[in-house]
Structures are given as C-alpha cells and as structure tokens.
N, C-alpha and C. Protein backbone atom coordinates (compact mmCIF):
# COMPACT_ATOMS: atom_id res chain seq x y z
N MET A 1 -91.47 -4.97 0.48
CA MET A 1 -90.92 -4.25 -0.57
C MET A 1 -89.92 -3.21 -0.11
N ARG A 2 -89.99 -2.55 1.04
CA ARG A 2 -89.18 -1.68 1.38
C ARG A 2 -87.80 -2.45 1.77
N ARG A 3 -87.84 -3.63 2.35
CA ARG A 3 -86.70 -4.48 3.00
C ARG A 3 -85.92 -4.90 1.60
N CYS A 4 -86.72 -5.15 0.59
CA CYS A 4 -86.07 -5.56 -0.64
C CYS A 4 -85.26 -4.46 -1.26
N LEU A 5 -85.93 -3.16 -1.18
CA LEU A 5 -85.10 -2.03 -1.84
C LEU A 5 -83.90 -1.63 -0.80
N ALA A 6 -84.04 -1.84 0.43
CA ALA A 6 -82.88 -1.57 1.38
C ALA A 6 -81.92 -2.49 1.04
N ILE A 7 -82.29 -3.77 0.78
CA ILE A 7 -81.04 -4.80 0.44
C ILE A 7 -80.31 -4.55 -0.84
N VAL A 8 -81.16 -4.04 -1.83
CA VAL A 8 -80.53 -3.81 -3.00
C VAL A 8 -79.60 -2.53 -2.94
N ALA A 9 -80.07 -1.56 -2.09
CA ALA A 9 -79.33 -0.30 -1.99
C ALA A 9 -77.95 -0.62 -1.15
N ALA A 10 -78.08 -1.41 -0.32
CA ALA A 10 -77.00 -1.78 0.52
C ALA A 10 -75.79 -2.58 -0.40
N LEU A 11 -76.42 -3.38 -1.14
CA LEU A 11 -75.46 -4.14 -2.19
C LEU A 11 -74.87 -3.34 -3.16
N TYR A 12 -75.46 -2.35 -3.66
CA TYR A 12 -74.97 -1.31 -4.40
C TYR A 12 -73.84 -0.70 -3.72
N LEU A 13 -74.17 -0.12 -2.54
CA LEU A 13 -73.11 0.62 -1.81
C LEU A 13 -71.96 -0.34 -1.48
N VAL A 14 -72.11 -1.54 -1.19
CA VAL A 14 -70.98 -2.44 -0.89
C VAL A 14 -70.24 -2.61 -2.14
N SER A 15 -70.80 -2.87 -3.26
CA SER A 15 -70.03 -2.97 -4.64
C SER A 15 -69.39 -1.69 -4.91
N ALA A 16 -69.77 -0.64 -4.70
CA ALA A 16 -69.26 0.66 -4.98
C ALA A 16 -67.92 0.89 -4.18
N VAL A 17 -68.07 0.51 -2.88
CA VAL A 17 -66.90 0.60 -1.93
C VAL A 17 -65.80 -0.48 -2.45
N CYS A 18 -66.24 -1.79 -2.74
CA CYS A 18 -65.27 -2.61 -2.97
C CYS A 18 -64.53 -2.21 -4.39
N ALA A 19 -65.20 -1.52 -5.35
CA ALA A 19 -64.59 -1.01 -6.54
C ALA A 19 -63.62 -0.01 -6.42
N ASP A 20 -63.86 0.80 -5.41
CA ASP A 20 -62.98 2.07 -5.03
C ASP A 20 -61.81 1.49 -4.22
N ALA A 21 -61.86 0.23 -3.56
CA ALA A 21 -60.76 -0.25 -2.61
C ALA A 21 -59.42 -0.27 -3.36
N GLY A 22 -59.58 -0.87 -4.62
CA GLY A 22 -58.20 -1.00 -5.39
C GLY A 22 -57.99 0.30 -6.28
N ALA A 23 -58.84 1.20 -6.32
CA ALA A 23 -58.45 2.61 -7.15
C ALA A 23 -57.30 3.04 -6.64
N GLY A 24 -56.40 3.48 -7.26
CA GLY A 24 -55.21 4.16 -6.70
C GLY A 24 -54.15 3.27 -6.01
N ALA A 25 -54.40 2.18 -6.01
CA ALA A 25 -53.46 1.20 -5.27
C ALA A 25 -52.33 0.70 -6.33
N VAL A 26 -51.15 0.72 -5.80
CA VAL A 26 -49.99 0.21 -6.47
C VAL A 26 -50.04 -1.21 -6.63
N SER A 27 -49.71 -1.80 -7.88
CA SER A 27 -49.55 -3.31 -7.99
C SER A 27 -48.31 -3.63 -7.56
N VAL A 28 -48.34 -4.81 -6.59
CA VAL A 28 -47.22 -5.21 -5.89
C VAL A 28 -47.08 -6.77 -6.05
N PHE A 29 -45.93 -7.15 -6.37
CA PHE A 29 -45.78 -8.60 -6.50
C PHE A 29 -44.68 -9.05 -5.48
N VAL A 30 -45.02 -10.10 -4.61
CA VAL A 30 -44.02 -10.43 -3.55
C VAL A 30 -43.52 -11.80 -4.05
N ALA A 31 -42.22 -11.72 -4.16
CA ALA A 31 -41.53 -12.88 -4.85
C ALA A 31 -41.68 -14.10 -3.83
N PRO A 32 -41.99 -15.33 -4.21
CA PRO A 32 -42.01 -16.51 -3.39
C PRO A 32 -40.74 -16.78 -2.62
N PRO A 33 -40.70 -17.46 -1.60
CA PRO A 33 -39.44 -17.75 -0.90
C PRO A 33 -38.76 -18.84 -1.72
N ILE A 34 -37.44 -18.81 -1.76
CA ILE A 34 -36.75 -19.93 -2.63
C ILE A 34 -36.87 -21.26 -1.85
N GLU A 35 -37.29 -22.13 -2.65
CA GLU A 35 -37.56 -23.52 -2.24
C GLU A 35 -36.28 -24.12 -2.01
N SER A 36 -36.02 -25.00 -1.04
CA SER A 36 -34.79 -25.81 -0.83
C SER A 36 -35.32 -27.24 -0.44
N ALA A 37 -34.25 -27.94 -0.84
CA ALA A 37 -34.58 -29.35 -0.57
C ALA A 37 -34.26 -29.64 0.91
N PHE A 38 -33.45 -28.94 1.65
CA PHE A 38 -33.11 -29.16 3.00
C PHE A 38 -34.19 -28.43 4.00
N ILE A 39 -34.58 -28.96 4.86
CA ILE A 39 -35.33 -28.33 6.05
C ILE A 39 -34.37 -27.91 7.24
N ASP A 40 -34.44 -26.77 7.71
CA ASP A 40 -33.73 -26.27 8.77
C ASP A 40 -34.53 -25.15 9.31
N ALA A 41 -33.94 -24.74 10.51
CA ALA A 41 -34.77 -23.64 11.23
C ALA A 41 -34.81 -22.38 10.50
N ARG A 42 -33.63 -22.11 9.79
CA ARG A 42 -33.77 -20.90 8.84
C ARG A 42 -34.72 -21.05 7.86
N ALA A 43 -34.95 -22.02 7.13
CA ALA A 43 -36.07 -22.03 6.13
C ALA A 43 -37.35 -21.82 6.83
N GLU A 44 -37.64 -22.48 8.04
CA GLU A 44 -38.92 -22.25 8.53
C GLU A 44 -39.05 -20.77 9.02
N GLN A 45 -37.95 -20.16 9.56
CA GLN A 45 -38.18 -18.64 9.89
C GLN A 45 -38.41 -17.84 8.60
N PHE A 46 -37.80 -18.25 7.61
CA PHE A 46 -37.97 -17.50 6.31
C PHE A 46 -39.54 -17.58 5.83
N LYS A 47 -40.04 -18.86 5.94
CA LYS A 47 -41.25 -19.05 5.44
C LYS A 47 -42.47 -18.23 6.38
N LYS A 48 -42.10 -18.31 7.70
CA LYS A 48 -43.07 -17.54 8.57
C LYS A 48 -42.95 -16.11 8.28
N ALA A 49 -41.61 -15.55 8.08
CA ALA A 49 -41.58 -14.17 7.73
C ALA A 49 -42.26 -13.73 6.48
N HIS A 50 -42.09 -14.63 5.38
CA HIS A 50 -42.73 -14.36 4.14
C HIS A 50 -44.15 -14.24 4.38
N SER A 51 -44.74 -15.40 5.02
CA SER A 51 -46.18 -15.39 5.12
C SER A 51 -46.53 -14.10 5.93
N ALA A 52 -46.03 -13.57 6.98
CA ALA A 52 -46.44 -12.31 7.64
C ALA A 52 -46.29 -11.26 6.87
N LEU A 53 -45.38 -11.19 6.02
CA LEU A 53 -45.07 -10.00 5.06
C LEU A 53 -46.26 -9.92 4.04
N VAL A 54 -46.62 -11.07 3.51
CA VAL A 54 -47.74 -11.09 2.50
C VAL A 54 -49.03 -10.85 3.20
N ASP A 55 -49.36 -11.27 4.44
CA ASP A 55 -50.40 -10.96 5.25
C ASP A 55 -50.56 -9.39 5.40
N GLU A 56 -49.48 -8.90 6.06
CA GLU A 56 -49.58 -7.45 6.19
C GLU A 56 -49.70 -6.50 5.00
N LEU A 57 -49.03 -7.03 3.82
CA LEU A 57 -49.05 -6.15 2.63
C LEU A 57 -50.60 -6.42 1.98
N ARG A 58 -51.28 -7.55 2.19
CA ARG A 58 -52.55 -7.69 1.84
C ARG A 58 -53.68 -6.83 2.58
N SER A 59 -53.31 -6.44 3.78
CA SER A 59 -54.10 -5.62 4.69
C SER A 59 -54.07 -4.17 4.28
N LYS A 60 -53.18 -3.76 3.46
CA LYS A 60 -52.94 -2.51 3.12
C LYS A 60 -53.71 -1.98 1.61
N LYS A 61 -55.00 -2.31 1.81
CA LYS A 61 -55.53 -2.37 0.45
C LYS A 61 -55.94 -1.01 -0.18
N LYS A 62 -55.70 0.05 0.52
CA LYS A 62 -56.05 1.55 -0.03
C LYS A 62 -54.59 1.83 -0.69
N THR A 63 -53.51 1.23 -0.50
CA THR A 63 -52.26 1.48 -1.13
C THR A 63 -51.78 0.46 -2.02
N ILE A 64 -51.94 -0.77 -1.64
CA ILE A 64 -51.33 -2.00 -2.25
C ILE A 64 -52.20 -2.92 -2.80
N LEU A 65 -52.02 -3.40 -4.07
CA LEU A 65 -52.85 -4.35 -4.76
C LEU A 65 -51.94 -5.54 -5.05
N LEU A 66 -52.02 -6.70 -4.25
CA LEU A 66 -51.13 -7.76 -4.61
C LEU A 66 -51.52 -8.34 -5.81
N VAL A 67 -50.47 -8.66 -6.70
CA VAL A 67 -50.57 -9.36 -8.00
C VAL A 67 -49.97 -10.68 -8.00
N ASP A 68 -50.12 -11.53 -8.82
CA ASP A 68 -49.74 -12.99 -9.03
C ASP A 68 -48.52 -13.01 -9.81
N SER A 69 -47.96 -12.07 -10.62
CA SER A 69 -46.93 -12.14 -11.34
C SER A 69 -46.02 -10.94 -11.35
N ARG A 70 -44.61 -11.10 -11.52
CA ARG A 70 -43.88 -9.94 -11.67
C ARG A 70 -44.17 -9.01 -12.71
N GLU A 71 -44.67 -9.45 -13.90
CA GLU A 71 -44.86 -8.70 -15.20
C GLU A 71 -45.98 -7.85 -14.90
N ASP A 72 -47.02 -8.14 -14.07
CA ASP A 72 -48.24 -7.45 -13.81
C ASP A 72 -47.92 -6.20 -12.73
N ALA A 73 -46.73 -6.46 -12.10
CA ALA A 73 -46.63 -5.50 -10.88
C ALA A 73 -45.82 -4.25 -11.28
N SER A 74 -46.00 -3.05 -10.70
CA SER A 74 -45.16 -1.93 -10.70
C SER A 74 -44.16 -2.03 -9.75
N VAL A 75 -44.34 -2.74 -8.70
CA VAL A 75 -43.19 -2.89 -7.53
C VAL A 75 -43.10 -4.29 -7.24
N THR A 76 -41.85 -4.85 -6.95
CA THR A 76 -41.74 -6.22 -6.60
C THR A 76 -40.83 -6.10 -5.18
N VAL A 77 -41.39 -6.94 -4.35
CA VAL A 77 -40.73 -6.95 -2.95
C VAL A 77 -40.26 -8.35 -2.75
N GLU A 78 -39.11 -8.58 -2.36
CA GLU A 78 -38.34 -9.88 -2.30
C GLU A 78 -37.77 -9.94 -0.89
N LEU A 79 -38.16 -10.98 -0.14
CA LEU A 79 -37.51 -11.14 1.10
C LEU A 79 -35.92 -11.66 0.83
N VAL A 80 -34.98 -10.81 1.40
CA VAL A 80 -33.64 -11.21 0.98
C VAL A 80 -32.96 -11.95 2.24
N ARG A 81 -33.16 -11.69 3.52
CA ARG A 81 -32.63 -12.33 4.55
C ARG A 81 -33.37 -12.34 5.71
N VAL A 82 -33.43 -13.43 6.51
CA VAL A 82 -33.96 -13.44 7.72
C VAL A 82 -32.91 -13.98 8.68
N SER A 83 -32.54 -13.23 9.69
CA SER A 83 -31.22 -13.67 10.47
C SER A 83 -31.31 -13.28 11.91
N ASP A 84 -30.73 -14.09 12.94
CA ASP A 84 -30.81 -13.68 14.18
C ASP A 84 -29.78 -12.63 14.35
N VAL A 85 -30.07 -11.64 15.40
CA VAL A 85 -29.30 -10.45 15.58
C VAL A 85 -28.98 -10.52 17.25
N VAL A 86 -27.73 -10.65 17.43
CA VAL A 86 -27.34 -10.43 18.92
C VAL A 86 -27.42 -9.13 19.31
N GLY A 87 -28.19 -8.61 20.39
CA GLY A 87 -28.26 -7.28 20.84
C GLY A 87 -27.42 -6.95 22.05
N GLU A 88 -27.67 -6.02 22.73
CA GLU A 88 -27.02 -5.61 23.87
C GLU A 88 -27.02 -6.42 25.12
N THR A 89 -26.05 -6.43 25.87
CA THR A 89 -26.24 -7.11 27.07
C THR A 89 -26.62 -6.42 28.30
N GLU A 90 -27.61 -6.83 28.85
CA GLU A 90 -28.06 -5.94 30.04
C GLU A 90 -27.78 -6.69 31.37
N THR A 91 -27.10 -5.80 32.10
CA THR A 91 -26.58 -6.22 33.52
C THR A 91 -27.37 -5.60 34.66
N ARG A 92 -27.92 -6.47 35.48
CA ARG A 92 -28.64 -5.84 36.60
C ARG A 92 -28.56 -6.72 37.81
N ARG A 93 -28.95 -6.15 39.09
CA ARG A 93 -28.90 -7.10 40.15
C ARG A 93 -30.20 -7.79 40.38
N SER A 94 -30.08 -9.02 40.78
CA SER A 94 -31.19 -9.99 40.95
C SER A 94 -31.94 -9.45 42.22
N PHE A 95 -33.28 -9.47 42.20
CA PHE A 95 -33.89 -9.30 43.51
C PHE A 95 -34.07 -10.57 44.31
N VAL A 96 -33.96 -11.67 43.67
CA VAL A 96 -34.19 -12.98 44.36
C VAL A 96 -32.80 -13.13 45.03
N SER A 97 -31.70 -13.23 44.45
CA SER A 97 -30.43 -13.67 45.01
C SER A 97 -29.54 -12.74 45.22
N GLY A 98 -29.81 -11.46 44.86
CA GLY A 98 -29.02 -10.31 45.03
C GLY A 98 -27.64 -10.29 44.23
N GLY A 99 -27.43 -11.41 43.51
CA GLY A 99 -26.14 -11.36 42.63
C GLY A 99 -26.64 -10.60 41.38
N ILE A 100 -25.39 -10.52 40.78
CA ILE A 100 -25.57 -9.87 39.23
C ILE A 100 -26.10 -10.91 38.14
N VAL A 101 -27.03 -10.31 37.40
CA VAL A 101 -27.59 -11.09 36.28
C VAL A 101 -27.34 -10.50 35.06
N SER A 102 -26.77 -11.14 34.09
CA SER A 102 -26.51 -10.55 32.70
C SER A 102 -27.48 -11.39 31.80
N ARG A 103 -28.07 -10.62 30.85
CA ARG A 103 -29.01 -11.11 29.88
C ARG A 103 -28.53 -10.36 28.52
N GLN A 104 -28.57 -11.38 27.33
CA GLN A 104 -28.24 -10.71 26.19
C GLN A 104 -29.48 -10.87 25.25
N SER A 105 -29.97 -9.69 24.73
CA SER A 105 -31.14 -9.67 23.94
C SER A 105 -30.81 -10.33 22.45
N ARG A 106 -31.77 -10.91 21.94
CA ARG A 106 -31.84 -11.58 20.77
C ARG A 106 -32.87 -11.19 19.85
N ASP A 107 -32.68 -10.66 18.70
CA ASP A 107 -33.78 -10.24 17.76
C ASP A 107 -33.69 -11.08 16.50
N VAL A 108 -34.69 -10.83 15.64
CA VAL A 108 -34.68 -11.48 14.35
C VAL A 108 -34.78 -10.22 13.36
N GLU A 109 -33.74 -10.20 12.49
CA GLU A 109 -33.78 -9.03 11.41
C GLU A 109 -34.24 -9.79 10.06
N VAL A 110 -35.26 -9.04 9.55
CA VAL A 110 -35.75 -9.27 8.32
C VAL A 110 -35.41 -8.15 7.19
N VAL A 111 -34.87 -8.63 6.18
CA VAL A 111 -34.49 -7.51 5.14
C VAL A 111 -35.30 -8.00 3.76
N ALA A 112 -35.88 -6.83 3.24
CA ALA A 112 -36.59 -7.12 1.98
C ALA A 112 -35.91 -6.16 0.92
N ARG A 113 -36.03 -6.45 -0.29
CA ARG A 113 -35.53 -5.58 -1.41
C ARG A 113 -36.79 -5.19 -2.10
N LEU A 114 -36.80 -3.95 -2.38
CA LEU A 114 -37.95 -3.43 -3.00
C LEU A 114 -37.50 -2.73 -4.49
N SER A 115 -38.00 -3.28 -5.55
CA SER A 115 -37.53 -2.87 -6.86
C SER A 115 -38.81 -2.30 -7.70
N VAL A 116 -38.53 -1.22 -8.33
CA VAL A 116 -39.61 -0.60 -9.38
C VAL A 116 -39.31 -1.36 -10.67
N GLN A 117 -40.39 -1.67 -11.25
CA GLN A 117 -40.23 -2.40 -12.44
C GLN A 117 -39.84 -1.61 -13.51
N ALA A 118 -40.39 -0.40 -13.75
CA ALA A 118 -40.13 0.49 -14.94
C ALA A 118 -38.80 1.23 -14.91
N THR A 119 -38.03 1.08 -13.84
CA THR A 119 -36.70 1.76 -13.60
C THR A 119 -35.65 0.60 -13.08
N GLU A 120 -34.62 1.19 -12.86
CA GLU A 120 -33.49 0.33 -12.22
C GLU A 120 -33.54 0.49 -10.67
N TYR A 121 -34.39 1.14 -10.14
CA TYR A 121 -34.31 1.51 -8.75
C TYR A 121 -34.67 0.36 -7.75
N THR A 122 -33.66 0.39 -6.72
CA THR A 122 -34.06 -0.76 -5.83
C THR A 122 -33.60 -0.10 -4.50
N THR A 123 -34.10 -0.60 -3.39
CA THR A 123 -33.80 -0.20 -2.02
C THR A 123 -34.08 -1.31 -0.99
N GLU A 124 -33.37 -1.45 0.01
CA GLU A 124 -33.55 -2.41 0.87
C GLU A 124 -34.10 -1.75 2.19
N LEU A 125 -35.17 -2.46 2.67
CA LEU A 125 -35.93 -2.13 3.67
C LEU A 125 -35.57 -3.15 5.04
N SER A 126 -35.35 -2.86 6.16
CA SER A 126 -35.04 -3.84 7.22
C SER A 126 -35.77 -3.57 8.46
N ALA A 127 -35.90 -4.54 9.32
CA ALA A 127 -36.51 -4.21 10.68
C ALA A 127 -36.04 -5.41 11.64
N SER A 128 -35.66 -5.08 12.95
CA SER A 128 -35.35 -6.13 13.88
C SER A 128 -36.33 -6.11 15.02
N ARG A 129 -36.91 -7.45 15.25
CA ARG A 129 -37.78 -7.37 16.30
C ARG A 129 -37.65 -8.88 17.09
N THR A 130 -38.46 -9.10 18.02
CA THR A 130 -38.11 -10.32 18.74
C THR A 130 -38.50 -11.45 17.93
N TYR A 131 -39.56 -11.39 17.27
CA TYR A 131 -40.01 -12.74 16.38
C TYR A 131 -39.97 -12.20 14.85
N GLU A 132 -39.83 -13.19 14.05
CA GLU A 132 -39.68 -12.78 12.47
C GLU A 132 -40.95 -12.26 12.08
N PHE A 133 -42.25 -12.58 12.43
CA PHE A 133 -43.46 -12.15 12.01
C PHE A 133 -43.44 -10.72 12.47
N LEU A 134 -43.10 -10.22 13.49
CA LEU A 134 -43.11 -8.87 13.95
C LEU A 134 -42.13 -8.07 12.85
N ALA A 135 -41.08 -8.61 12.90
CA ALA A 135 -40.02 -7.80 12.02
C ALA A 135 -40.64 -7.72 10.41
N ALA A 136 -41.33 -8.89 9.95
CA ALA A 136 -41.89 -8.74 8.70
C ALA A 136 -42.91 -7.81 8.64
N ARG A 137 -43.74 -7.77 9.50
CA ARG A 137 -44.91 -6.79 9.54
C ARG A 137 -44.33 -5.21 9.55
N ASN A 138 -43.20 -5.16 10.37
CA ASN A 138 -42.69 -3.80 10.31
C ASN A 138 -42.12 -3.33 8.82
N VAL A 139 -41.49 -4.46 8.32
CA VAL A 139 -41.13 -4.20 6.87
C VAL A 139 -42.22 -3.91 6.04
N ALA A 140 -43.42 -4.51 6.10
CA ALA A 140 -44.55 -4.34 5.25
C ALA A 140 -45.12 -2.90 5.45
N VAL A 141 -44.98 -2.44 6.71
CA VAL A 141 -45.28 -1.03 6.93
C VAL A 141 -44.47 -0.13 6.28
N GLN A 142 -43.00 -0.48 6.51
CA GLN A 142 -42.10 0.48 5.67
C GLN A 142 -42.51 0.47 4.16
N VAL A 143 -42.76 -0.57 3.60
CA VAL A 143 -43.12 -0.89 2.10
C VAL A 143 -44.28 0.22 1.82
N ASP A 144 -45.37 0.19 2.52
CA ASP A 144 -46.48 0.81 2.65
C ASP A 144 -46.19 2.37 2.53
N LYS A 145 -45.38 2.73 3.61
CA LYS A 145 -44.99 4.03 3.69
C LYS A 145 -44.20 4.60 2.38
N TRP A 146 -43.26 3.85 1.92
CA TRP A 146 -42.51 4.09 0.79
C TRP A 146 -43.39 4.34 -0.54
N ILE A 147 -44.45 3.36 -0.76
CA ILE A 147 -45.31 3.65 -1.79
C ILE A 147 -46.14 4.91 -1.66
N LYS A 148 -46.58 5.19 -0.55
CA LYS A 148 -47.25 6.47 -0.20
C LYS A 148 -46.55 7.42 -0.67
N ALA A 149 -45.29 7.47 -0.07
CA ALA A 149 -44.35 8.73 -0.29
C ALA A 149 -43.84 8.79 -1.89
N ASN A 150 -43.89 7.75 -2.55
CA ASN A 150 -43.52 7.67 -4.02
C ASN A 150 -44.74 7.59 -4.85
N LEU A 151 -45.86 7.69 -4.47
CA LEU A 151 -47.16 7.43 -5.31
C LEU A 151 -47.12 8.27 -6.63
N ALA A 152 -46.75 9.49 -6.45
CA ALA A 152 -46.74 10.33 -7.77
C ALA A 152 -45.79 9.72 -8.61
N GLN A 153 -44.51 9.65 -8.22
CA GLN A 153 -43.54 8.87 -9.27
C GLN A 153 -43.96 7.68 -9.84
N LEU A 154 -44.52 6.66 -8.94
CA LEU A 154 -44.98 5.47 -9.41
C LEU A 154 -46.11 5.59 -10.41
N SER A 155 -47.09 6.61 -10.29
CA SER A 155 -48.10 6.90 -11.23
C SER A 155 -47.49 7.27 -12.69
N LYS A 156 -46.33 7.94 -12.64
CA LYS A 156 -45.92 8.31 -13.94
C LYS A 156 -45.33 6.96 -14.78
N ASP A 157 -44.89 6.12 -14.13
CA ASP A 157 -44.28 4.87 -14.77
C ASP A 157 -45.31 4.02 -15.49
C-alpha cells in the first residue's frame, strides 16, 4: 500500500514538473531548410547545421517551446547561410624539421535570422566555429539569450 501511494505521489510530482516546463516559454518556429534538387557539400552542411540548431533549441525547455507552424509561433528562426570562412594564417617554426610552417585556419559560419511575428522586427545572429554543428549550437544559445533578454516585450505581443 505504501509503495502504491509513493508511486502515485511520484507520478503527480512528475506531471506537475512537466506542466511547468513549458510555462513562460516563448513559442518558436524553426523554418525548414530549403529543399533543392541538387545534392552538394553546401546542402549537407546546411542540413547538419539546421539539425544541430533544432536540437539545441529543443533543449532550452525553460525558455523555448518549439512549434510546428509559423502561425503558432511568437518568434521565427530561419537559417540564412552556412559558409566557410578562411581565418588568420599562423606561422611558426616546426619542431621536427626546424623550418617555417604556415597554417591557415578555416571555420564554418552559421547565420540565422530571428523574426518576431507580431512586429516587423528582425535581427541576424551568427557564429563561426570549426564545425557547422558547433556554430549552429552557438547560434541557438544566442537565440535563447535574446529571448530571455526580451521576454517582457515578447509577453506583451
């Protein structure tokens, strides 16, 4: 009998926590990647970045509630560009040969457009990292911070 009461109490607490998880969260729609008939490295990079962006936003349950349609969202996030960025050239002396070695860094830049549905407001958020999924995760963190900073204004709309 005690075990049964303990299980019922635990289920009640879990359901209360789950109900509160979405309370106060801003509804966000992530626009799907544009489908193309052509398959190339850019399309694969774009899909990986989009998937990482969605996964990271989904993990921000206290702030963000992902929705399936643009009409149900307060905020829309659209992946605009995923591109290679050539960084600085690092020159150093090789320990093995004693000669000069130059290495140019390459990063992937991910740019997303954030739009507020009730207004004409849009902004772009971007990040450059070694891999597209890391850059996309960084953009998702920026989206989360932007929503937290503008929560009062978003609640008005």
